[in-house]
N, C-alpha and C. Protein backbone atom coordinates (compact mmCIF):
# COMPACT_ATOMS: atom_id res chain seq x y z
N UNK A 1 7.44 -20.00 14.36
CA UNK A 1 6.34 -19.74 13.45
C UNK A 1 6.85 -18.88 12.31
N UNK A 2 6.81 -19.40 11.10
CA UNK A 2 7.24 -18.66 9.92
C UNK A 2 6.10 -17.85 9.35
N UNK A 3 6.39 -16.60 9.05
CA UNK A 3 5.39 -15.74 8.43
C UNK A 3 5.63 -15.70 6.94
N UNK A 4 4.55 -15.53 6.21
CA UNK A 4 4.61 -15.39 4.77
C UNK A 4 4.42 -13.92 4.44
N UNK A 5 5.36 -13.34 3.71
CA UNK A 5 5.26 -11.94 3.31
C UNK A 5 4.45 -11.86 2.04
N UNK A 6 3.44 -10.98 2.04
CA UNK A 6 2.60 -10.77 0.87
C UNK A 6 2.64 -9.29 0.48
N UNK A 7 2.22 -8.97 -0.73
CA UNK A 7 2.30 -7.60 -1.23
C UNK A 7 0.93 -7.03 -1.62
N UNK A 8 -0.11 -7.80 -1.42
CA UNK A 8 -1.48 -7.33 -1.60
C UNK A 8 -2.31 -8.00 -0.53
N UNK A 9 -3.35 -7.31 -0.03
CA UNK A 9 -4.20 -7.94 0.99
C UNK A 9 -4.79 -9.25 0.48
N UNK A 10 -4.98 -10.20 1.38
CA UNK A 10 -5.51 -11.51 1.01
C UNK A 10 -7.03 -11.51 0.99
N UNK A 11 -7.57 -12.44 0.23
CA UNK A 11 -9.00 -12.73 0.32
C UNK A 11 -9.14 -13.71 1.48
N UNK A 12 -9.82 -13.30 2.52
CA UNK A 12 -9.94 -14.16 3.69
C UNK A 12 -11.40 -14.50 3.94
N UNK A 13 -11.62 -15.44 4.84
CA UNK A 13 -12.98 -15.80 5.22
C UNK A 13 -13.33 -15.21 6.59
N UNK A 14 -12.65 -14.14 6.97
CA UNK A 14 -12.96 -13.46 8.22
C UNK A 14 -14.39 -12.93 8.13
N UNK A 15 -15.14 -13.03 9.22
CA UNK A 15 -16.55 -12.63 9.21
C UNK A 15 -16.75 -11.16 8.81
N UNK A 16 -15.78 -10.30 9.09
CA UNK A 16 -15.92 -8.89 8.73
C UNK A 16 -16.03 -8.70 7.23
N UNK A 17 -15.45 -9.62 6.46
CA UNK A 17 -15.50 -9.50 5.00
C UNK A 17 -16.89 -9.82 4.44
N UNK A 18 -17.82 -10.26 5.30
CA UNK A 18 -19.20 -10.45 4.88
C UNK A 18 -19.92 -9.11 4.72
N UNK A 19 -19.27 -8.03 5.20
CA UNK A 19 -19.85 -6.70 5.17
C UNK A 19 -18.90 -5.74 4.44
N UNK A 20 -18.70 -5.95 3.13
CA UNK A 20 -17.68 -5.17 2.40
C UNK A 20 -17.93 -3.67 2.42
N UNK A 21 -19.21 -3.24 2.50
CA UNK A 21 -19.49 -1.80 2.52
C UNK A 21 -18.99 -1.16 3.81
N UNK A 22 -18.80 -1.94 4.85
CA UNK A 22 -18.29 -1.40 6.11
C UNK A 22 -16.78 -1.59 6.24
N UNK A 23 -16.20 -2.44 5.40
CA UNK A 23 -14.78 -2.77 5.53
C UNK A 23 -13.97 -2.10 4.43
N UNK A 24 -14.00 -0.79 4.37
CA UNK A 24 -13.26 -0.06 3.34
C UNK A 24 -11.85 0.26 3.79
N UNK A 25 -11.53 -0.02 5.05
CA UNK A 25 -10.21 0.25 5.58
C UNK A 25 -9.45 -1.05 5.78
N UNK A 26 -8.15 -0.97 5.67
CA UNK A 26 -7.29 -2.12 5.90
C UNK A 26 -7.37 -2.51 7.36
N UNK A 27 -7.46 -3.80 7.62
CA UNK A 27 -7.50 -4.30 8.99
C UNK A 27 -7.00 -5.72 9.06
N UNK A 28 -7.04 -6.28 10.25
CA UNK A 28 -6.55 -7.65 10.44
C UNK A 28 -7.34 -8.65 9.61
N UNK A 29 -8.57 -8.28 9.24
CA UNK A 29 -9.38 -9.19 8.41
C UNK A 29 -8.81 -9.37 7.01
N UNK A 30 -7.83 -8.54 6.63
CA UNK A 30 -7.22 -8.63 5.30
C UNK A 30 -6.02 -9.56 5.26
N UNK A 31 -5.70 -10.20 6.37
CA UNK A 31 -4.55 -11.10 6.42
C UNK A 31 -4.99 -12.48 6.88
N UNK A 32 -4.47 -13.51 6.22
CA UNK A 32 -4.66 -14.86 6.71
C UNK A 32 -3.66 -15.10 7.83
N UNK A 33 -3.85 -16.17 8.56
CA UNK A 33 -2.95 -16.49 9.67
C UNK A 33 -1.51 -16.59 9.17
N UNK A 34 -0.59 -15.99 9.90
CA UNK A 34 0.85 -16.00 9.62
C UNK A 34 1.25 -15.19 8.38
N UNK A 35 0.38 -14.34 7.87
CA UNK A 35 0.74 -13.47 6.76
C UNK A 35 1.15 -12.10 7.29
N UNK A 36 2.10 -11.49 6.59
CA UNK A 36 2.51 -10.12 6.88
C UNK A 36 2.52 -9.36 5.56
N UNK A 37 1.89 -8.20 5.56
CA UNK A 37 1.71 -7.41 4.35
C UNK A 37 2.76 -6.32 4.26
N UNK A 38 3.50 -6.29 3.15
CA UNK A 38 4.40 -5.18 2.86
C UNK A 38 3.60 -4.19 2.04
N UNK A 39 3.38 -3.00 2.61
CA UNK A 39 2.57 -1.97 1.96
C UNK A 39 3.42 -0.73 1.72
N UNK A 40 3.25 -0.14 0.55
CA UNK A 40 4.00 1.07 0.20
C UNK A 40 3.13 2.28 0.46
N UNK A 41 3.66 3.21 1.25
CA UNK A 41 2.91 4.39 1.66
C UNK A 41 2.78 5.35 0.48
N UNK A 42 1.55 5.77 0.23
CA UNK A 42 1.29 6.78 -0.79
C UNK A 42 1.26 8.17 -0.15
N UNK A 43 0.50 8.28 0.96
CA UNK A 43 0.41 9.56 1.67
C UNK A 43 -0.17 9.34 3.06
N UNK A 44 -0.01 10.35 3.90
CA UNK A 44 -0.63 10.38 5.22
C UNK A 44 -1.37 11.70 5.31
N UNK A 45 -2.64 11.65 5.72
CA UNK A 45 -3.44 12.88 5.81
C UNK A 45 -4.54 12.69 6.84
N UNK A 46 -5.03 13.79 7.37
CA UNK A 46 -6.19 13.75 8.26
C UNK A 46 -7.43 13.76 7.38
N UNK A 47 -8.28 12.75 7.58
CA UNK A 47 -9.48 12.60 6.76
C UNK A 47 -10.69 12.36 7.64
N UNK A 48 -11.87 12.65 7.10
CA UNK A 48 -13.12 12.41 7.82
C UNK A 48 -13.45 10.93 7.69
N UNK A 49 -13.64 10.26 8.85
CA UNK A 49 -13.90 8.83 8.89
C UNK A 49 -15.05 8.59 9.87
N UNK A 50 -15.88 7.60 9.57
CA UNK A 50 -16.95 7.21 10.49
C UNK A 50 -16.32 6.45 11.65
N UNK A 51 -16.58 6.90 12.87
CA UNK A 51 -16.05 6.23 14.05
C UNK A 51 -16.89 4.99 14.36
N UNK A 52 -16.47 4.22 15.35
CA UNK A 52 -17.21 3.02 15.73
C UNK A 52 -18.60 3.38 16.26
N UNK A 53 -18.80 4.63 16.68
CA UNK A 53 -20.12 5.07 17.15
C UNK A 53 -20.98 5.61 16.02
N UNK A 54 -20.42 5.68 14.79
CA UNK A 54 -21.18 6.15 13.65
C UNK A 54 -21.04 7.63 13.36
N UNK A 55 -20.29 8.34 14.18
CA UNK A 55 -20.10 9.78 13.98
C UNK A 55 -18.92 10.01 13.05
N UNK A 56 -18.97 11.13 12.30
CA UNK A 56 -17.83 11.54 11.48
C UNK A 56 -16.78 12.15 12.38
N UNK A 57 -15.54 11.66 12.25
CA UNK A 57 -14.42 12.20 13.02
C UNK A 57 -13.25 12.42 12.09
N UNK A 58 -12.46 13.44 12.37
CA UNK A 58 -11.22 13.67 11.63
C UNK A 58 -10.14 12.80 12.26
N UNK A 59 -9.56 11.92 11.44
CA UNK A 59 -8.55 10.98 11.95
C UNK A 59 -7.40 10.89 10.96
N UNK A 60 -6.20 10.58 11.46
CA UNK A 60 -5.08 10.35 10.54
C UNK A 60 -5.28 9.04 9.78
N UNK A 61 -5.11 9.12 8.48
CA UNK A 61 -5.27 7.95 7.62
C UNK A 61 -4.01 7.81 6.78
N UNK A 62 -3.52 6.59 6.69
CA UNK A 62 -2.36 6.31 5.86
C UNK A 62 -2.86 5.57 4.61
N UNK A 63 -2.57 6.12 3.44
CA UNK A 63 -2.98 5.51 2.18
C UNK A 63 -1.79 4.78 1.58
N UNK A 64 -2.08 3.65 0.94
CA UNK A 64 -1.05 2.80 0.35
C UNK A 64 -1.26 2.69 -1.15
N UNK A 65 -0.20 2.35 -1.87
CA UNK A 65 -0.32 2.13 -3.31
C UNK A 65 -0.86 0.74 -3.61
N UNK A 66 -0.74 -0.19 -2.68
CA UNK A 66 -1.11 -1.58 -2.95
C UNK A 66 -2.08 -2.18 -1.95
N UNK A 67 -2.77 -1.34 -1.17
CA UNK A 67 -3.71 -1.84 -0.17
C UNK A 67 -4.70 -0.73 0.17
N UNK A 68 -5.84 -1.09 0.76
CA UNK A 68 -6.77 -0.05 1.20
C UNK A 68 -6.14 0.83 2.28
N UNK A 69 -6.68 2.03 2.49
CA UNK A 69 -6.14 2.90 3.54
C UNK A 69 -6.36 2.31 4.93
N UNK A 70 -5.64 2.84 5.90
CA UNK A 70 -5.70 2.34 7.27
C UNK A 70 -5.71 3.54 8.23
N UNK A 71 -6.53 3.46 9.28
CA UNK A 71 -6.48 4.47 10.33
C UNK A 71 -5.10 4.38 10.98
N UNK A 72 -4.48 5.51 11.18
CA UNK A 72 -3.13 5.53 11.76
C UNK A 72 -3.23 5.89 13.23
N UNK A 73 -2.92 4.92 14.09
CA UNK A 73 -2.95 5.20 15.53
C UNK A 73 -1.57 5.63 16.02
N UNK A 74 -1.49 6.03 17.28
CA UNK A 74 -0.24 6.54 17.84
C UNK A 74 0.84 5.47 17.84
N UNK A 75 0.49 4.24 18.20
CA UNK A 75 1.48 3.16 18.27
C UNK A 75 2.12 2.93 16.91
N UNK A 76 1.31 2.81 15.86
CA UNK A 76 1.86 2.58 14.51
C UNK A 76 2.59 3.81 13.99
N UNK A 77 2.13 5.01 14.36
CA UNK A 77 2.83 6.24 13.95
C UNK A 77 4.25 6.26 14.53
N UNK A 78 4.38 5.90 15.80
CA UNK A 78 5.70 5.87 16.45
C UNK A 78 6.60 4.84 15.77
N UNK A 79 6.02 3.70 15.41
CA UNK A 79 6.81 2.65 14.75
C UNK A 79 7.33 3.12 13.39
N UNK A 80 6.48 3.78 12.62
CA UNK A 80 6.90 4.27 11.30
C UNK A 80 7.93 5.39 11.47
N UNK A 81 7.70 6.27 12.45
CA UNK A 81 8.66 7.36 12.71
C UNK A 81 10.03 6.80 13.10
N UNK A 82 10.05 5.69 13.83
CA UNK A 82 11.33 5.08 14.21
C UNK A 82 12.07 4.56 12.98
N UNK A 83 11.32 4.16 11.95
CA UNK A 83 11.94 3.64 10.73
C UNK A 83 12.36 4.75 9.77
N UNK A 84 11.50 5.79 9.63
CA UNK A 84 11.68 6.76 8.54
C UNK A 84 11.73 8.22 8.97
N UNK A 85 11.72 8.49 10.27
CA UNK A 85 11.82 9.87 10.72
C UNK A 85 10.48 10.43 11.17
N UNK A 86 10.56 11.53 11.88
CA UNK A 86 9.38 12.13 12.51
C UNK A 86 8.41 12.77 11.52
N UNK A 87 8.87 13.28 10.39
CA UNK A 87 8.01 13.98 9.44
C UNK A 87 7.24 13.00 8.57
N UNK A 88 5.93 12.94 8.78
CA UNK A 88 5.11 12.00 8.01
C UNK A 88 5.08 12.36 6.52
N UNK A 89 5.40 13.58 6.18
CA UNK A 89 5.46 13.97 4.76
C UNK A 89 6.56 13.19 4.03
N UNK A 90 7.59 12.76 4.77
CA UNK A 90 8.71 12.02 4.17
C UNK A 90 8.46 10.52 4.10
N UNK A 91 7.30 10.05 4.57
CA UNK A 91 7.01 8.62 4.54
C UNK A 91 6.52 8.14 3.18
N UNK A 92 6.05 9.05 2.34
CA UNK A 92 5.53 8.66 1.03
C UNK A 92 6.62 7.93 0.24
N UNK A 93 6.23 6.82 -0.38
CA UNK A 93 7.16 6.02 -1.16
C UNK A 93 7.90 4.97 -0.35
N UNK A 94 7.80 5.03 0.96
CA UNK A 94 8.46 4.06 1.83
C UNK A 94 7.54 2.86 2.07
N UNK A 95 8.11 1.71 2.37
CA UNK A 95 7.33 0.50 2.64
C UNK A 95 7.39 0.13 4.11
N UNK A 96 6.27 -0.41 4.59
CA UNK A 96 6.20 -0.92 5.96
C UNK A 96 5.67 -2.35 5.91
N UNK A 97 5.98 -3.12 6.93
CA UNK A 97 5.51 -4.49 7.02
C UNK A 97 4.50 -4.57 8.15
N UNK A 98 3.26 -4.96 7.83
CA UNK A 98 2.16 -5.01 8.78
C UNK A 98 1.84 -6.45 9.16
N UNK A 99 1.51 -6.66 10.43
CA UNK A 99 1.11 -7.98 10.90
C UNK A 99 -0.07 -7.82 11.85
N UNK A 100 -0.87 -8.87 11.98
CA UNK A 100 -2.02 -8.86 12.88
C UNK A 100 -1.61 -9.45 14.22
N UNK A 101 -2.11 -8.83 15.29
CA UNK A 101 -1.84 -9.31 16.63
C UNK A 101 -2.97 -8.85 17.55
N UNK A 102 -3.03 -9.40 18.72
CA UNK A 102 -4.02 -8.97 19.71
C UNK A 102 -3.57 -7.64 20.30
N UNK A 103 -4.50 -6.67 20.34
CA UNK A 103 -4.23 -5.35 20.91
C UNK A 103 -5.38 -4.97 21.83
N UNK A 104 -5.09 -4.10 22.78
CA UNK A 104 -6.13 -3.64 23.69
C UNK A 104 -6.92 -2.52 23.01
N UNK A 105 -8.26 -2.66 23.02
CA UNK A 105 -9.16 -1.64 22.50
C UNK A 105 -10.19 -1.42 23.59
N UNK A 106 -10.00 -0.35 24.36
CA UNK A 106 -10.84 -0.15 25.55
C UNK A 106 -10.54 -1.24 26.55
N UNK A 107 -11.58 -1.96 26.95
CA UNK A 107 -11.41 -3.06 27.90
C UNK A 107 -11.20 -4.40 27.21
N UNK A 108 -11.33 -4.42 25.90
CA UNK A 108 -11.28 -5.67 25.15
C UNK A 108 -9.92 -5.90 24.49
N UNK A 109 -9.62 -7.15 24.24
CA UNK A 109 -8.48 -7.53 23.41
C UNK A 109 -9.06 -7.92 22.05
N UNK A 110 -8.60 -7.23 20.99
CA UNK A 110 -9.11 -7.46 19.64
C UNK A 110 -7.93 -7.65 18.70
N UNK A 111 -8.21 -8.15 17.50
CA UNK A 111 -7.16 -8.24 16.49
C UNK A 111 -6.93 -6.86 15.89
N UNK A 112 -5.68 -6.49 15.75
CA UNK A 112 -5.33 -5.21 15.15
C UNK A 112 -4.05 -5.34 14.35
N UNK A 113 -3.76 -4.33 13.56
CA UNK A 113 -2.54 -4.32 12.76
C UNK A 113 -1.45 -3.54 13.48
N UNK A 114 -0.24 -4.04 13.36
CA UNK A 114 0.93 -3.36 13.91
C UNK A 114 2.01 -3.33 12.84
N UNK A 115 2.90 -2.33 12.97
CA UNK A 115 4.00 -2.17 12.04
C UNK A 115 5.22 -2.90 12.61
N UNK A 116 5.76 -3.79 11.81
CA UNK A 116 6.98 -4.53 12.20
C UNK A 116 8.14 -3.54 12.23
N UNK A 117 9.02 -3.67 13.20
CA UNK A 117 10.14 -2.75 13.38
C UNK A 117 11.31 -3.10 12.46
N UNK A 118 11.01 -3.21 11.16
CA UNK A 118 12.04 -3.49 10.15
C UNK A 118 11.68 -2.71 8.89
N UNK A 119 12.68 -2.38 8.12
CA UNK A 119 12.43 -1.83 6.79
C UNK A 119 12.39 -3.03 5.86
N UNK A 120 11.24 -3.25 5.19
CA UNK A 120 11.12 -4.44 4.35
C UNK A 120 12.17 -4.47 3.25
N UNK A 121 12.62 -5.65 2.96
CA UNK A 121 13.60 -5.85 1.90
C UNK A 121 12.99 -5.52 0.56
N UNK A 122 13.75 -4.87 -0.25
CA UNK A 122 13.29 -4.53 -1.60
C UNK A 122 14.18 -5.23 -2.63
N UNK A 123 14.46 -6.49 -2.37
CA UNK A 123 15.33 -7.24 -3.28
C UNK A 123 14.56 -7.68 -4.52
N UNK A 124 14.07 -6.71 -5.24
CA UNK A 124 13.29 -6.98 -6.45
C UNK A 124 14.11 -6.48 -7.64
N UNK A 125 14.27 -7.34 -8.62
CA UNK A 125 14.99 -6.94 -9.83
C UNK A 125 14.02 -6.15 -10.71
N UNK A 126 14.21 -4.85 -10.75
CA UNK A 126 13.32 -3.97 -11.51
C UNK A 126 13.68 -3.91 -12.99
N UNK A 127 14.88 -4.33 -13.35
CA UNK A 127 15.37 -4.17 -14.72
C UNK A 127 14.45 -4.79 -15.77
N UNK A 128 13.97 -6.03 -15.59
CA UNK A 128 13.08 -6.59 -16.63
C UNK A 128 11.82 -5.75 -16.82
N UNK A 129 11.27 -5.22 -15.74
CA UNK A 129 10.06 -4.40 -15.83
C UNK A 129 10.37 -3.08 -16.56
N UNK A 130 11.50 -2.47 -16.22
CA UNK A 130 11.90 -1.22 -16.87
C UNK A 130 12.12 -1.44 -18.37
N UNK A 131 12.81 -2.53 -18.71
CA UNK A 131 13.09 -2.82 -20.12
C UNK A 131 11.81 -3.05 -20.90
N UNK A 132 10.84 -3.77 -20.30
CA UNK A 132 9.56 -3.99 -20.98
C UNK A 132 8.85 -2.68 -21.26
N UNK A 133 8.93 -1.74 -20.33
CA UNK A 133 8.28 -0.45 -20.52
C UNK A 133 8.97 0.35 -21.62
N UNK A 134 10.30 0.33 -21.61
CA UNK A 134 11.08 1.17 -22.52
C UNK A 134 11.06 0.67 -23.97
N UNK A 135 10.64 -0.57 -24.20
CA UNK A 135 10.59 -1.05 -25.58
C UNK A 135 9.19 -0.99 -26.19
N UNK A 136 8.25 -0.35 -25.50
CA UNK A 136 6.89 -0.21 -26.03
C UNK A 136 6.89 0.75 -27.22
N UNK A 137 6.05 0.45 -28.21
CA UNK A 137 6.01 1.24 -29.44
C UNK A 137 4.76 2.12 -29.54
N UNK A 138 3.82 1.94 -28.60
CA UNK A 138 2.60 2.75 -28.62
C UNK A 138 2.12 2.97 -27.18
N UNK A 139 1.26 3.96 -27.02
CA UNK A 139 0.69 4.21 -25.69
C UNK A 139 -0.14 3.03 -25.20
N UNK A 140 -0.84 2.38 -26.12
CA UNK A 140 -1.64 1.20 -25.76
C UNK A 140 -0.73 0.07 -25.26
N UNK A 141 0.38 -0.12 -25.96
CA UNK A 141 1.34 -1.15 -25.56
C UNK A 141 1.94 -0.82 -24.19
N UNK A 142 2.23 0.45 -23.96
CA UNK A 142 2.77 0.89 -22.67
C UNK A 142 1.76 0.64 -21.56
N UNK A 143 0.51 0.99 -21.82
CA UNK A 143 -0.54 0.77 -20.82
C UNK A 143 -0.66 -0.71 -20.47
N UNK A 144 -0.62 -1.56 -21.49
CA UNK A 144 -0.71 -3.00 -21.27
C UNK A 144 0.49 -3.51 -20.48
N UNK A 145 1.68 -3.07 -20.84
CA UNK A 145 2.90 -3.51 -20.14
C UNK A 145 2.86 -3.08 -18.67
N UNK A 146 2.42 -1.85 -18.43
CA UNK A 146 2.36 -1.34 -17.06
C UNK A 146 1.31 -2.09 -16.25
N UNK A 147 0.20 -2.45 -16.87
CA UNK A 147 -0.86 -3.17 -16.15
C UNK A 147 -0.42 -4.56 -15.72
N UNK A 148 0.57 -5.15 -16.42
CA UNK A 148 1.07 -6.49 -16.07
C UNK A 148 2.06 -6.46 -14.90
N UNK A 149 2.52 -5.30 -14.51
CA UNK A 149 3.50 -5.19 -13.42
C UNK A 149 2.75 -5.32 -12.09
N UNK A 150 3.25 -6.15 -11.17
CA UNK A 150 2.58 -6.28 -9.86
C UNK A 150 2.47 -4.93 -9.16
N UNK A 151 1.36 -4.75 -8.43
CA UNK A 151 1.07 -3.46 -7.80
C UNK A 151 2.20 -2.96 -6.91
N UNK A 152 2.82 -3.86 -6.16
CA UNK A 152 3.84 -3.42 -5.20
C UNK A 152 5.12 -2.94 -5.89
N UNK A 153 5.23 -3.15 -7.21
CA UNK A 153 6.42 -2.72 -7.95
C UNK A 153 6.15 -1.46 -8.76
N UNK A 154 4.89 -1.20 -9.10
CA UNK A 154 4.55 -0.09 -9.99
C UNK A 154 5.16 1.24 -9.56
N UNK A 155 5.12 1.53 -8.28
CA UNK A 155 5.67 2.80 -7.80
C UNK A 155 7.17 2.92 -8.03
N UNK A 156 7.85 1.80 -8.15
CA UNK A 156 9.30 1.81 -8.32
C UNK A 156 9.72 2.00 -9.79
N UNK A 157 8.77 1.86 -10.71
CA UNK A 157 9.10 2.03 -12.13
C UNK A 157 8.25 3.13 -12.78
N UNK A 158 7.61 3.94 -11.97
CA UNK A 158 6.71 4.97 -12.49
C UNK A 158 7.48 6.02 -13.30
N UNK A 159 8.72 6.33 -12.92
CA UNK A 159 9.51 7.31 -13.67
C UNK A 159 9.76 6.82 -15.10
N UNK A 160 10.11 5.54 -15.25
CA UNK A 160 10.35 4.98 -16.57
C UNK A 160 9.06 4.98 -17.39
N UNK A 161 7.94 4.64 -16.75
CA UNK A 161 6.66 4.65 -17.46
C UNK A 161 6.33 6.05 -17.95
N UNK A 162 6.50 7.04 -17.07
CA UNK A 162 6.18 8.42 -17.45
C UNK A 162 7.12 8.95 -18.53
N UNK A 163 8.39 8.56 -18.46
CA UNK A 163 9.36 8.96 -19.49
C UNK A 163 8.95 8.39 -20.85
N UNK A 164 8.60 7.12 -20.85
CA UNK A 164 8.21 6.47 -22.10
C UNK A 164 6.89 7.05 -22.62
N UNK A 165 5.99 7.35 -21.72
CA UNK A 165 4.70 7.95 -22.12
C UNK A 165 4.94 9.29 -22.81
N UNK A 166 5.83 10.11 -22.24
CA UNK A 166 6.13 11.41 -22.83
C UNK A 166 6.74 11.23 -24.23
N UNK A 167 7.65 10.27 -24.38
CA UNK A 167 8.26 10.01 -25.70
C UNK A 167 7.21 9.59 -26.71
N UNK A 168 6.34 8.67 -26.30
CA UNK A 168 5.32 8.17 -27.22
C UNK A 168 4.30 9.25 -27.57
N UNK A 169 3.95 10.09 -26.62
CA UNK A 169 3.04 11.19 -26.91
C UNK A 169 3.69 12.19 -27.87
N UNK A 170 4.99 12.42 -27.69
CA UNK A 170 5.73 13.30 -28.60
C UNK A 170 5.72 12.75 -30.01
N UNK A 171 5.91 11.46 -30.16
CA UNK A 171 5.89 10.83 -31.50
C UNK A 171 4.50 10.95 -32.12
N UNK A 172 3.46 10.75 -31.31
CA UNK A 172 2.09 10.88 -31.84
C UNK A 172 1.83 12.31 -32.32
N UNK A 173 2.32 13.29 -31.57
CA UNK A 173 2.13 14.70 -31.95
C UNK A 173 2.88 15.02 -33.24
N UNK A 174 4.07 14.43 -33.42
CA UNK A 174 4.85 14.64 -34.65
C UNK A 174 4.11 14.08 -35.87
N UNK A 175 3.44 12.95 -35.66
CA UNK A 175 2.74 12.28 -36.76
C UNK A 175 1.43 12.97 -37.13
N UNK A 176 0.92 13.83 -36.26
CA UNK A 176 -0.37 14.51 -36.54
C UNK A 176 -0.17 15.84 -37.19
């Protein structure tokens, strides 16, 4: 069975997506069959989340640059720690590959997300994106160029964008 690697959650016809106000977290409903999502970690923090019983609970949440946040369970935490080390503060900027599978939830078997035990390949040629950013002549042009970059790449060229932004802001200040 070949899996398709994707870099943004899919639009699926999973029944949970009929209730978007309840589906603010990343879950198996965000993947079509045989898809695996490469998500770049933005941060990990304990946040207040509504539990399945409707109560507010403090839970670990992993936020991504290219996908909705996800509740971080012990199994997935161990998998990420095996890839990137025990300190979750060092996970920011790293990518993980998520797949849907059957998992035990209480007495039931349900679909859940798991972290693949691999560091996703980053064989992306960033040079064309960097060059497009560095040749912008105005802040508006820079904003437009940055908006055209796929979400999963933006974090990898943010330094070039910020450098160019500072240069362009400096030029605007000189002209005023």
